[in-house]
Amino acid sequence: MSSSSGIPKTPAAWQEALAALPSFENTGKIPAFYFGHGQPMLMWPESMPDPETDIFEFVGPKDFGPVLLEKYKPKAIVVFSGHWETSEEQLVTDYGNENPLFMDYFGFPDELYKVQFKSRGDSALAQRIVHIFKQHNIPARKTTIMEARGQDGRGFASPGLDHGVFTPFKLMFGDKIDIPIVQVSIDQSLSPEKNWAIGKAISELRSDGVLVLSGGLTIHNLRDWSAFNEATAEPVFKEFDSAVIRAAGISDPVERRKSLLALTSHAGFKLAHPRAEHFIPIYVAAGCGEEGESRVVSGIYGSTTVAFGL
């Protein structure tokens, strides 16, 4: 069931929308996706009493993971997250046979520091991404398992995929995935244009069977917990969320870019995003799928998912 506007609002409607996307065989390219990556409590163990988390009403992306694998059969996944920013140069993970997890959250139950998600890197793909960036005058380098990203919630200096990656991926793909995963940082300037350029630079990967996923949230205000739930959010949050859906769904690439970039001037933008790191990944995905059409495949409040480059 979808909303009256035709925007998918339930898991069943997401499945229908994803099934309607053109296949790789028909277009020769995999779409680039911006998706709502959720938060650590989505990994809450079934063995524990249910947490009181009605604030977080949105549903995670677990319903479309299997569809992505079946429809596109990607050779690799390149992922961006609102939880990894770098200045001066973009970093590209080259973690070898097992990607470690960077549990970049604090104050959560012990069980959420024991979760596992097994995946591997791809050194050749990481090097190719660095090369592509340099061809586009974007400074970049690889980072290895020997280089910590910072201190995680267990108190360790750690490298790894952050929870903006392994939380949704665990829901989407289960405890293990055989497809290699490479994570790339977003630009710490949080400039929509610079991050758009990052996505556009690697758009050629889509023709080679690489799935590009860029995760964040359309609503992310930790100063106002009511904003995370559509039932309690002030109208301005819902107006901004709707504006994102309208802009992302524009067919014409030129008008879509104009409307997406204009969102940072919307009256609700600063309220929805006191700091823009969770919204900026939409520009990476939009840049990667700049040519062609786009389609909103999930309009769940606060965690919109969009396919770019159809």
C-alpha atoms as a PDB file:
ATOM      1  CA  MET A   1       0.000   0.000   0.000  1.00  0.00           C
ATOM      2  CA  SER A   2       1.329   3.439  -0.958  1.00  0.00           C
ATOM      3  CA  SER A   3       0.267   6.903   0.069  1.00  0.00           C
ATOM      4  CA  SER A   4      -2.247   8.796  -2.010  1.00  0.00           C
ATOM      5  CA  SER A   5       0.650  10.579  -3.718  1.00  0.00           C
ATOM      6  CA  GLY A   6       2.039   7.251  -4.932  1.00  0.00           C
ATOM      7  CA  ILE A   7       5.062   7.360  -2.627  1.00  0.00           C
ATOM      8  CA  PRO A   8       5.850   3.921  -1.126  1.00  0.00           C
ATOM      9  CA  LYS A   9       5.128   3.973   2.599  1.00  0.00           C
ATOM     10  CA  THR A  10       5.193   0.302   3.599  1.00  0.00           C
ATOM     11  CA  PRO A  11       7.679  -2.568   3.178  1.00  0.00           C
ATOM     12  CA  ALA A  12       5.355  -4.187   0.638  1.00  0.00           C
ATOM     13  CA  ALA A  13       5.254  -0.967  -1.370  1.00  0.00           C
ATOM     14  CA  TRP A  14       9.075  -0.729  -1.239  1.00  0.00           C
ATOM     15  CA  GLN A  15       9.285  -4.221  -2.672  1.00  0.00           C
ATOM     16  CA  GLU A  16       6.885  -3.269  -5.454  1.00  0.00           C
ATOM     17  CA  ALA A  17       8.837  -0.086  -6.221  1.00  0.00           C
ATOM     18  CA  LEU A  18      12.160  -1.935  -6.271  1.00  0.00           C
ATOM     19  CA  ALA A  19      10.759  -4.675  -8.478  1.00  0.00           C
ATOM     20  CA  ALA A  20       9.685  -1.991 -10.952  1.00  0.00           C
ATOM     21  CA  LEU A  21      13.211  -0.560 -11.281  1.00  0.00           C
ATOM     22  CA  PRO A  22      14.937  -1.371 -14.576  1.00  0.00           C
ATOM     23  CA  SER A  23      17.405  -4.229 -14.378  1.00  0.00           C
ATOM     24  CA  PHE A  24      21.134  -4.067 -15.048  1.00  0.00           C
ATOM     25  CA  GLU A  25      20.607  -6.136 -18.169  1.00  0.00           C
ATOM     26  CA  ASN A  26      18.232  -3.522 -19.578  1.00  0.00           C
ATOM     27  CA  THR A  27      20.223  -0.381 -18.786  1.00  0.00           C
ATOM     28  CA  GLY A  28      23.833  -1.524 -18.441  1.00  0.00           C
ATOM     29  CA  LYS A  29      24.127   0.401 -15.168  1.00  0.00           C
ATOM     30  CA  ILE A  30      23.165  -0.206 -11.554  1.00  0.00           C
ATOM     31  CA  PRO A  31      21.331   2.752  -9.967  1.00  0.00           C
ATOM     32  CA  ALA A  32      23.041   4.642  -7.151  1.00  0.00           C
ATOM     33  CA  PHE A  33      20.965   4.663  -3.964  1.00  0.00           C
ATOM     34  CA  TYR A  34      20.577   7.096  -1.094  1.00  0.00           C
ATOM     35  CA  PHE A  35      19.060   5.172   1.818  1.00  0.00           C
ATOM     36  CA  GLY A  36      18.032   5.665   5.425  1.00  0.00           C
ATOM     37  CA  HIS A  37      20.701   3.811   7.382  1.00  0.00           C
ATOM     38  CA  GLY A  38      18.854   3.688  10.692  1.00  0.00           C
ATOM     39  CA  GLN A  39      20.581   3.546  14.081  1.00  0.00           C
ATOM     40  CA  PRO A  40      22.207   0.935  16.366  1.00  0.00           C
ATOM     41  CA  MET A  41      19.019   0.018  18.225  1.00  0.00           C
ATOM     42  CA  LEU A  42      17.788  -1.651  15.036  1.00  0.00           C
ATOM     43  CA  MET A  43      20.283  -4.420  15.897  1.00  0.00           C
ATOM     44  CA  TRP A  44      18.631  -5.023  19.274  1.00  0.00           C
ATOM     45  CA  PRO A  45      18.949  -8.758  20.093  1.00  0.00           C
ATOM     46  CA  GLU A  46      15.702 -10.740  20.082  1.00  0.00           C
ATOM     47  CA  SER A  47      16.848 -12.431  23.285  1.00  0.00           C
ATOM     48  CA  MET A  48      16.585  -9.150  25.222  1.00  0.00           C
ATOM     49  CA  PRO A  49      13.428  -7.362  26.412  1.00  0.00           C
ATOM     50  CA  ASP A  50      12.077  -4.921  23.847  1.00  0.00           C
ATOM     51  CA  PRO A  51      13.620  -1.445  24.257  1.00  0.00           C
ATOM     52  CA  GLU A  52      11.490   1.647  24.641  1.00  0.00           C
ATOM     53  CA  THR A  53      12.366   3.169  21.293  1.00  0.00           C
ATOM     54  CA  ASP A  54       9.046   4.416  19.960  1.00  0.00           C
ATOM     55  CA  ILE A  55      10.845   7.688  19.220  1.00  0.00           C
ATOM     56  CA  PHE A  56      12.491   5.946  16.285  1.00  0.00           C
ATOM     57  CA  GLU A  57       9.452   5.079  14.217  1.00  0.00           C
ATOM     58  CA  PHE A  58      11.206   4.531  10.907  1.00  0.00           C
ATOM     59  CA  VAL A  59      11.746   1.026   9.588  1.00  0.00           C
ATOM     60  CA  GLY A  60      15.248  -0.004   8.597  1.00  0.00           C
ATOM     61  CA  PRO A  61      16.292  -0.931   5.065  1.00  0.00           C
ATOM     62  CA  LYS A  62      16.176  -4.715   5.589  1.00  0.00           C
ATOM     63  CA  ASP A  63      13.328  -5.182   3.139  1.00  0.00           C
ATOM     64  CA  PHE A  64      15.270  -4.150   0.056  1.00  0.00           C
ATOM     65  CA  GLY A  65      18.665  -5.778   0.609  1.00  0.00           C
ATOM     66  CA  PRO A  66      17.753  -9.161  -0.921  1.00  0.00           C
ATOM     67  CA  VAL A  67      16.054  -7.404  -3.845  1.00  0.00           C
ATOM     68  CA  LEU A  68      19.232  -5.454  -4.630  1.00  0.00           C
ATOM     69  CA  LEU A  69      21.276  -8.652  -4.711  1.00  0.00           C
ATOM     70  CA  GLU A  70      18.768 -10.522  -6.844  1.00  0.00           C
ATOM     71  CA  LYS A  71      18.036  -7.710  -9.297  1.00  0.00           C
ATOM     72  CA  TYR A  72      21.576  -6.392  -9.817  1.00  0.00           C
ATOM     73  CA  LYS A  73      23.899  -9.216  -8.738  1.00  0.00           C
ATOM     74  CA  PRO A  74      26.605  -6.648  -7.903  1.00  0.00           C
ATOM     75  CA  LYS A  75      30.259  -7.558  -8.141  1.00  0.00           C
ATOM     76  CA  ALA A  76      31.041  -5.192  -5.257  1.00  0.00           C
ATOM     77  CA  ILE A  77      29.486  -2.521  -3.064  1.00  0.00           C
ATOM     78  CA  VAL A  78      30.919   0.963  -2.613  1.00  0.00           C
ATOM     79  CA  VAL A  79      29.333   2.677   0.369  1.00  0.00           C
ATOM     80  CA  PHE A  80      29.315   6.183   1.830  1.00  0.00           C
ATOM     81  CA  SER A  81      28.051   7.002   5.318  1.00  0.00           C
ATOM     82  CA  GLY A  82      27.130  10.152   7.190  1.00  0.00           C
ATOM     83  CA  HIS A  83      29.411   8.816   9.947  1.00  0.00           C
ATOM     84  CA  TRP A  84      32.688   9.162   8.062  1.00  0.00           C
ATOM     85  CA  GLU A  85      33.965  12.549   6.994  1.00  0.00           C
ATOM     86  CA  THR A  86      37.514  13.508   6.057  1.00  0.00           C
ATOM     87  CA  SER A  87      39.148  16.793   5.196  1.00  0.00           C
ATOM     88  CA  GLU A  88      41.910  17.425   2.652  1.00  0.00           C
ATOM     89  CA  GLU A  89      41.503  14.031   0.975  1.00  0.00           C
ATOM     90  CA  GLN A  90      38.984  11.243   0.530  1.00  0.00           C
ATOM     91  CA  LEU A  91      39.866   7.969   2.208  1.00  0.00           C
ATOM     92  CA  VAL A  92      39.053   4.612   0.639  1.00  0.00           C
ATOM     93  CA  THR A  93      39.141   1.436   2.724  1.00  0.00           C
ATOM     94  CA  ASP A  94      41.530  -1.359   1.799  1.00  0.00           C
ATOM     95  CA  TYR A  95      40.957  -3.762   4.671  1.00  0.00           C
ATOM     96  CA  GLY A  96      41.855  -7.063   3.064  1.00  0.00           C
ATOM     97  CA  ASN A  97      40.117 -10.358   3.759  1.00  0.00           C
ATOM     98  CA  GLU A  98      37.913  -9.100   6.598  1.00  0.00           C
ATOM     99  CA  ASN A  99      36.451  -5.652   7.131  1.00  0.00           C
ATOM    100  CA  PRO A 100      36.632  -4.760  10.839  1.00  0.00           C
ATOM    101  CA  LEU A 101      33.746  -2.913  12.488  1.00  0.00           C
ATOM    102  CA  PHE A 102      34.194   0.571  13.914  1.00  0.00           C
ATOM    103  CA  MET A 103      31.567   0.730  16.655  1.00  0.00           C
ATOM    104  CA  ASP A 104      31.325   4.491  16.716  1.00  0.00           C
ATOM    105  CA  TYR A 105      28.548   4.756  19.300  1.00  0.00           C
ATOM    106  CA  PHE A 106      28.656   5.328  23.030  1.00  0.00           C
ATOM    107  CA  GLY A 107      26.417   4.471  25.966  1.00  0.00           C
ATOM    108  CA  PHE A 108      24.565   1.570  24.363  1.00  0.00           C
ATOM    109  CA  PRO A 109      23.950  -1.872  25.951  1.00  0.00           C
ATOM    110  CA  ASP A 110      26.920  -4.248  25.962  1.00  0.00           C
ATOM    111  CA  GLU A 111      25.157  -6.536  23.489  1.00  0.00           C
ATOM    112  CA  LEU A 112      25.401  -3.899  20.766  1.00  0.00           C
ATOM    113  CA  TYR A 113      29.194  -4.031  21.025  1.00  0.00           C
ATOM    114  CA  LYS A 114      29.178  -7.774  20.368  1.00  0.00           C
ATOM    115  CA  VAL A 115      27.357  -7.713  17.037  1.00  0.00           C
ATOM    116  CA  GLN A 116      29.099  -9.185  14.027  1.00  0.00           C
ATOM    117  CA  PHE A 117      28.918  -8.552  10.326  1.00  0.00           C
ATOM    118  CA  LYS A 118      31.413 -10.417   8.172  1.00  0.00           C
ATOM    119  CA  SER A 119      32.604  -8.991   4.864  1.00  0.00           C
ATOM    120  CA  ARG A 120      35.814  -8.499   2.918  1.00  0.00           C
ATOM    121  CA  GLY A 121      37.455  -5.622   1.092  1.00  0.00           C
ATOM    122  CA  ASP A 122      38.762  -5.335  -2.453  1.00  0.00           C
ATOM    123  CA  SER A 123      42.226  -3.850  -2.848  1.00  0.00           C
ATOM    124  CA  ALA A 124      41.990  -3.517  -6.634  1.00  0.00           C
ATOM    125  CA  LEU A 125      38.663  -1.682  -6.436  1.00  0.00           C
ATOM    126  CA  ALA A 126      39.962   0.596  -3.690  1.00  0.00           C
ATOM    127  CA  GLN A 127      42.985   1.488  -5.819  1.00  0.00           C
ATOM    128  CA  ARG A 128      40.773   2.106  -8.836  1.00  0.00           C
ATOM    129  CA  ILE A 129      38.592   4.509  -6.836  1.00  0.00           C
ATOM    130  CA  VAL A 130      41.672   6.440  -5.690  1.00  0.00           C
ATOM    131  CA  HIS A 131      42.856   6.624  -9.296  1.00  0.00           C
ATOM    132  CA  ILE A 132      39.464   7.865 -10.509  1.00  0.00           C
ATOM    133  CA  PHE A 133      39.370  10.556  -7.859  1.00  0.00           C
ATOM    134  CA  LYS A 134      42.815  11.792  -8.796  1.00  0.00           C
ATOM    135  CA  GLN A 135      41.779  11.914 -12.458  1.00  0.00           C
ATOM    136  CA  HIS A 136      39.014  14.281 -11.336  1.00  0.00           C
ATOM    137  CA  ASN A 137      41.386  16.372  -9.220  1.00  0.00           C
ATOM    138  CA  ILE A 138      39.946  15.037  -5.973  1.00  0.00           C
ATOM    139  CA  PRO A 139      42.750  14.194  -3.505  1.00  0.00           C
ATOM    140  CA  ALA A 140      42.405  10.620  -2.235  1.00  0.00           C
ATOM    141  CA  ARG A 141      44.311   7.686  -0.788  1.00  0.00           C
ATOM    142  CA  LYS A 142      43.690   4.217   0.583  1.00  0.00           C
ATOM    143  CA  THR A 143      43.506   3.480   4.299  1.00  0.00           C
ATOM    144  CA  THR A 144      44.415   0.065   5.685  1.00  0.00           C
ATOM    145  CA  ILE A 145      43.475  -2.043   8.674  1.00  0.00           C
ATOM    146  CA  MET A 146      46.543  -0.610  10.441  1.00  0.00           C
ATOM    147  CA  GLU A 147      45.106   2.920  10.466  1.00  0.00           C
ATOM    148  CA  ALA A 148      42.536   3.693  13.175  1.00  0.00           C
ATOM    149  CA  ARG A 149      39.617   5.982  12.414  1.00  0.00           C
ATOM    150  CA  GLY A 150      39.356   7.046  16.034  1.00  0.00           C
ATOM    151  CA  GLN A 151      38.210   5.706  19.397  1.00  0.00           C
ATOM    152  CA  ASP A 152      35.122   3.535  19.275  1.00  0.00           C
ATOM    153  CA  GLY A 153      32.446   2.976  21.905  1.00  0.00           C
ATOM    154  CA  ARG A 154      34.484   0.219  23.549  1.00  0.00           C
ATOM    155  CA  GLY A 155      37.388   2.571  24.156  1.00  0.00           C
ATOM    156  CA  PHE A 156      39.617   1.144  21.428  1.00  0.00           C
ATOM    157  CA  ALA A 157      41.416   2.994  18.666  1.00  0.00           C
ATOM    158  CA  SER A 158      39.937   1.218  15.696  1.00  0.00           C
ATOM    159  CA  PRO A 159      39.683   1.064  11.911  1.00  0.00           C
ATOM    160  CA  GLY A 160      36.597  -0.346  10.231  1.00  0.00           C
ATOM    161  CA  LEU A 161      33.187   0.099   8.672  1.00  0.00           C
ATOM    162  CA  ASP A 162      31.099   2.422  10.858  1.00  0.00           C
ATOM    163  CA  HIS A 163      27.600   1.705  12.157  1.00  0.00           C
ATOM    164  CA  GLY A 164      26.096   3.727   9.323  1.00  0.00           C
ATOM    165  CA  VAL A 165      27.287   0.797   7.210  1.00  0.00           C
ATOM    166  CA  PHE A 166      27.205  -2.378   9.288  1.00  0.00           C
ATOM    167  CA  THR A 167      23.874  -1.649  11.013  1.00  0.00           C
ATOM    168  CA  PRO A 168      21.822  -1.460   7.804  1.00  0.00           C
ATOM    169  CA  PHE A 169      23.959  -4.057   6.024  1.00  0.00           C
ATOM    170  CA  LYS A 170      23.414  -6.566   8.829  1.00  0.00           C
ATOM    171  CA  LEU A 171      19.671  -6.033   8.406  1.00  0.00           C
ATOM    172  CA  MET A 172      19.839  -6.077   4.609  1.00  0.00           C
ATOM    173  CA  PHE A 173      22.237  -8.978   4.069  1.00  0.00           C
ATOM    174  CA  GLY A 174      22.377 -10.976   7.291  1.00  0.00           C
ATOM    175  CA  ASP A 175      25.476 -11.683   9.348  1.00  0.00           C
ATOM    176  CA  LYS A 176      27.726 -12.227   6.333  1.00  0.00           C
ATOM    177  CA  ILE A 177      28.038 -11.165   2.717  1.00  0.00           C
ATOM    178  CA  ASP A 178      30.426 -12.588   0.135  1.00  0.00           C
ATOM    179  CA  ILE A 179      30.397  -9.496  -2.082  1.00  0.00           C
ATOM    180  CA  PRO A 180      33.370  -7.195  -1.301  1.00  0.00           C
ATOM    181  CA  ILE A 181      32.626  -3.886   0.399  1.00  0.00           C
ATOM    182  CA  VAL A 182      34.698  -0.716   0.104  1.00  0.00           C
ATOM    183  CA  GLN A 183      33.774   2.381   2.127  1.00  0.00           C
ATOM    184  CA  VAL A 184      34.659   5.903   1.011  1.00  0.00           C
ATOM    185  CA  SER A 185      34.527   9.013   3.181  1.00  0.00           C
ATOM    186  CA  ILE A 186      32.366  12.038   2.447  1.00  0.00           C
ATOM    187  CA  ASP A 187      33.894  15.517   2.213  1.00  0.00           C
ATOM    188  CA  GLN A 188      34.052  17.128   5.645  1.00  0.00           C
ATOM    189  CA  SER A 189      33.229  20.546   4.233  1.00  0.00           C
ATOM    190  CA  LEU A 190      29.682  19.175   3.901  1.00  0.00           C
ATOM    191  CA  SER A 191      29.428  21.135   0.684  1.00  0.00           C
ATOM    192  CA  PRO A 192      26.587  19.736  -1.452  1.00  0.00           C
ATOM    193  CA  GLU A 193      28.537  20.590  -4.614  1.00  0.00           C
ATOM    194  CA  LYS A 194      31.797  18.941  -3.488  1.00  0.00           C
ATOM    195  CA  ASN A 195      30.030  15.795  -2.397  1.00  0.00           C
ATOM    196  CA  TRP A 196      28.016  15.751  -5.606  1.00  0.00           C
ATOM    197  CA  ALA A 197      31.331  15.822  -7.485  1.00  0.00           C
ATOM    198  CA  ILE A 198      32.605  12.862  -5.440  1.00  0.00           C
ATOM    199  CA  GLY A 199      29.625  10.791  -6.496  1.00  0.00           C
ATOM    200  CA  LYS A 200      29.817  11.911 -10.108  1.00  0.00           C
ATOM    201  CA  ALA A 201      33.500  10.974 -10.301  1.00  0.00           C
ATOM    202  CA  ILE A 202      32.846   7.317  -9.534  1.00  0.00           C
ATOM    203  CA  SER A 203      29.682   7.000 -11.638  1.00  0.00           C
ATOM    204  CA  GLU A 204      31.586   4.866 -14.163  1.00  0.00           C
ATOM    205  CA  LEU A 205      31.675   2.042 -11.610  1.00  0.00           C
ATOM    206  CA  ARG A 206      27.949   1.528 -12.080  1.00  0.00           C
ATOM    207  CA  SER A 207      28.554   0.237 -15.607  1.00  0.00           C
ATOM    208  CA  ASP A 208      30.945  -2.363 -14.219  1.00  0.00           C
ATOM    209  CA  GLY A 209      28.419  -3.984 -11.917  1.00  0.00           C
ATOM    210  CA  VAL A 210      29.320  -2.033  -8.772  1.00  0.00           C
ATOM    211  CA  LEU A 211      26.460  -1.046  -6.448  1.00  0.00           C
ATOM    212  CA  VAL A 212      26.894   2.437  -4.927  1.00  0.00           C
ATOM    213  CA  LEU A 213      25.016   3.023  -1.669  1.00  0.00           C
ATOM    214  CA  SER A 214      25.086   6.301   0.258  1.00  0.00           C
ATOM    215  CA  GLY A 215      23.512   6.286   3.697  1.00  0.00           C
ATOM    216  CA  GLY A 216      22.133   8.945   6.001  1.00  0.00           C
ATOM    217  CA  LEU A 217      18.748  10.205   7.180  1.00  0.00           C
ATOM    218  CA  THR A 218      16.417  12.889   5.858  1.00  0.00           C
ATOM    219  CA  ILE A 219      15.642  13.888   9.463  1.00  0.00           C
ATOM    220  CA  HIS A 220      18.445  13.916  12.028  1.00  0.00           C
ATOM    221  CA  ASN A 221      18.049  16.319  14.951  1.00  0.00           C
ATOM    222  CA  LEU A 222      19.418  14.864  18.183  1.00  0.00           C
ATOM    223  CA  ARG A 223      18.326  18.022  20.000  1.00  0.00           C
ATOM    224  CA  ASP A 224      14.659  17.272  19.344  1.00  0.00           C
ATOM    225  CA  TRP A 225      13.821  13.588  19.760  1.00  0.00           C
ATOM    226  CA  SER A 226      10.210  14.190  18.760  1.00  0.00           C
ATOM    227  CA  ALA A 227      11.438  15.018  15.259  1.00  0.00           C
ATOM    228  CA  PHE A 228      12.286  11.368  14.593  1.00  0.00           C
ATOM    229  CA  ASN A 229       8.660  10.246  14.760  1.00  0.00           C
ATOM    230  CA  GLU A 230       6.158  11.501  12.199  1.00  0.00           C
ATOM    231  CA  ALA A 231       3.390  11.367  14.808  1.00  0.00           C
ATOM    232  CA  THR A 232       5.188  13.793  17.134  1.00  0.00           C
ATOM    233  CA  ALA A 233       7.295  15.893  14.749  1.00  0.00           C
ATOM    234  CA  GLU A 234       6.481  19.565  14.259  1.00  0.00           C
ATOM    235  CA  PRO A 235       5.023  20.434  10.839  1.00  0.00           C
ATOM    236  CA  VAL A 236       8.253  22.049   9.631  1.00  0.00           C
ATOM    237  CA  PHE A 237      10.070  18.685   9.839  1.00  0.00           C
ATOM    238  CA  LYS A 238       7.384  16.944   7.823  1.00  0.00           C
ATOM    239  CA  GLU A 239       7.366  19.783   5.296  1.00  0.00           C
ATOM    240  CA  PHE A 240      11.113  19.413   4.801  1.00  0.00           C
ATOM    241  CA  ASP A 241      10.867  15.645   4.492  1.00  0.00           C
ATOM    242  CA  SER A 242       8.186  16.067   1.815  1.00  0.00           C
ATOM    243  CA  ALA A 243      10.337  18.637   0.010  1.00  0.00           C
ATOM    244  CA  VAL A 244      13.168  16.098  -0.167  1.00  0.00           C
ATOM    245  CA  ILE A 245      10.846  13.511  -1.705  1.00  0.00           C
ATOM    246  CA  ARG A 246       9.544  15.998  -4.278  1.00  0.00           C
ATOM    247  CA  ALA A 247      13.029  17.136  -5.284  1.00  0.00           C
ATOM    248  CA  ALA A 248      14.470  13.628  -5.447  1.00  0.00           C
ATOM    249  CA  GLY A 249      11.649  12.443  -7.672  1.00  0.00           C
ATOM    250  CA  ILE A 250      12.047  15.070 -10.418  1.00  0.00           C
ATOM    251  CA  SER A 251      12.638  13.350 -13.756  1.00  0.00           C
ATOM    252  CA  ASP A 252      14.678  16.019 -15.511  1.00  0.00           C
ATOM    253  CA  PRO A 253      18.336  15.828 -14.345  1.00  0.00           C
ATOM    254  CA  VAL A 254      18.928  19.589 -14.557  1.00  0.00           C
ATOM    255  CA  GLU A 255      15.815  20.489 -12.593  1.00  0.00           C
ATOM    256  CA  ARG A 256      16.449  17.699 -10.106  1.00  0.00           C
ATOM    257  CA  ARG A 257      19.954  18.967  -9.354  1.00  0.00           C
ATOM    258  CA  LYS A 258      18.646  22.520  -8.947  1.00  0.00           C
ATOM    259  CA  SER A 259      15.894  21.407  -6.565  1.00  0.00           C
ATOM    260  CA  LEU A 260      18.114  19.112  -4.522  1.00  0.00           C
ATOM    261  CA  LEU A 261      20.746  21.811  -4.035  1.00  0.00           C
ATOM    262  CA  ALA A 262      18.009  24.263  -3.037  1.00  0.00           C
ATOM    263  CA  LEU A 263      16.966  22.052  -0.124  1.00  0.00           C
ATOM    264  CA  THR A 264      19.699  23.487   2.084  1.00  0.00           C
ATOM    265  CA  SER A 265      17.830  26.814   1.880  1.00  0.00           C
ATOM    266  CA  HIS A 266      14.516  25.293   2.937  1.00  0.00           C
ATOM    267  CA  ALA A 267      13.073  26.686   6.175  1.00  0.00           C
ATOM    268  CA  GLY A 268      13.190  23.249   7.770  1.00  0.00           C
ATOM    269  CA  PHE A 269      16.704  22.248   6.759  1.00  0.00           C
ATOM    270  CA  LYS A 270      18.623  23.653   9.746  1.00  0.00           C
ATOM    271  CA  LEU A 271      15.994  22.303  12.111  1.00  0.00           C
ATOM    272  CA  ALA A 272      16.043  18.848  10.558  1.00  0.00           C
ATOM    273  CA  HIS A 273      19.849  18.917  10.348  1.00  0.00           C
ATOM    274  CA  PRO A 274      21.592  21.158  12.907  1.00  0.00           C
ATOM    275  CA  ARG A 275      24.696  19.683  11.292  1.00  0.00           C
ATOM    276  CA  ALA A 276      24.310  18.344   7.766  1.00  0.00           C
ATOM    277  CA  GLU A 277      26.437  15.170   7.805  1.00  0.00           C
ATOM    278  CA  HIS A 278      23.443  12.821   7.608  1.00  0.00           C
ATOM    279  CA  PHE A 279      21.856  14.690   4.710  1.00  0.00           C
ATOM    280  CA  ILE A 280      24.940  15.275   2.578  1.00  0.00           C
ATOM    281  CA  PRO A 281      25.173  11.624   1.422  1.00  0.00           C
ATOM    282  CA  ILE A 282      22.102  12.236  -0.761  1.00  0.00           C
ATOM    283  CA  TYR A 283      24.296  14.490  -2.904  1.00  0.00           C
ATOM    284  CA  VAL A 284      26.885  11.747  -3.345  1.00  0.00           C
ATOM    285  CA  ALA A 285      24.217   9.354  -4.629  1.00  0.00           C
ATOM    286  CA  ALA A 286      22.574  12.046  -6.764  1.00  0.00           C
ATOM    287  CA  GLY A 287      25.916  12.936  -8.328  1.00  0.00           C
ATOM    288  CA  CYS A 288      26.693   9.291  -9.007  1.00  0.00           C
ATOM    289  CA  GLY A 289      23.326   8.902 -10.747  1.00  0.00           C
ATOM    290  CA  GLU A 290      23.150  12.415 -12.167  1.00  0.00           C
ATOM    291  CA  GLU A 291      22.223  11.315 -15.685  1.00  0.00           C
ATOM    292  CA  GLY A 292      18.866   9.715 -16.308  1.00  0.00           C
ATOM    293  CA  GLU A 293      15.832   9.641 -14.072  1.00  0.00           C
ATOM    294  CA  SER A 294      15.385   9.027 -10.362  1.00  0.00           C
ATOM    295  CA  ARG A 295      12.717   7.339  -8.313  1.00  0.00           C
ATOM    296  CA  VAL A 296      11.734   7.391  -4.638  1.00  0.00           C
ATOM    297  CA  VAL A 297      11.495   3.739  -3.626  1.00  0.00           C
ATOM    298  CA  SER A 298      10.740   4.373   0.057  1.00  0.00           C
ATOM    299  CA  GLY A 299       9.037   7.451   1.420  1.00  0.00           C
ATOM    300  CA  ILE A 300       9.023   6.397   5.052  1.00  0.00           C
ATOM    301  CA  TYR A 301       9.295   9.596   7.106  1.00  0.00           C
ATOM    302  CA  GLY A 302      12.878  10.430   8.016  1.00  0.00           C
ATOM    303  CA  SER A 303      14.478   7.579   6.079  1.00  0.00           C
ATOM    304  CA  THR A 304      13.702   8.159   2.429  1.00  0.00           C
ATOM    305  CA  THR A 305      15.383   5.855  -0.088  1.00  0.00           C
ATOM    306  CA  VAL A 306      16.003   7.093  -3.636  1.00  0.00           C
ATOM    307  CA  ALA A 307      17.356   5.378  -6.760  1.00  0.00           C
ATOM    308  CA  PHE A 308      19.346   7.745  -8.988  1.00  0.00           C
ATOM    309  CA  GLY A 309      20.478   7.189 -12.560  1.00  0.00           C
ATOM    310  CA  LEU A 310      17.690   5.084 -14.038  1.00  0.00           C
END
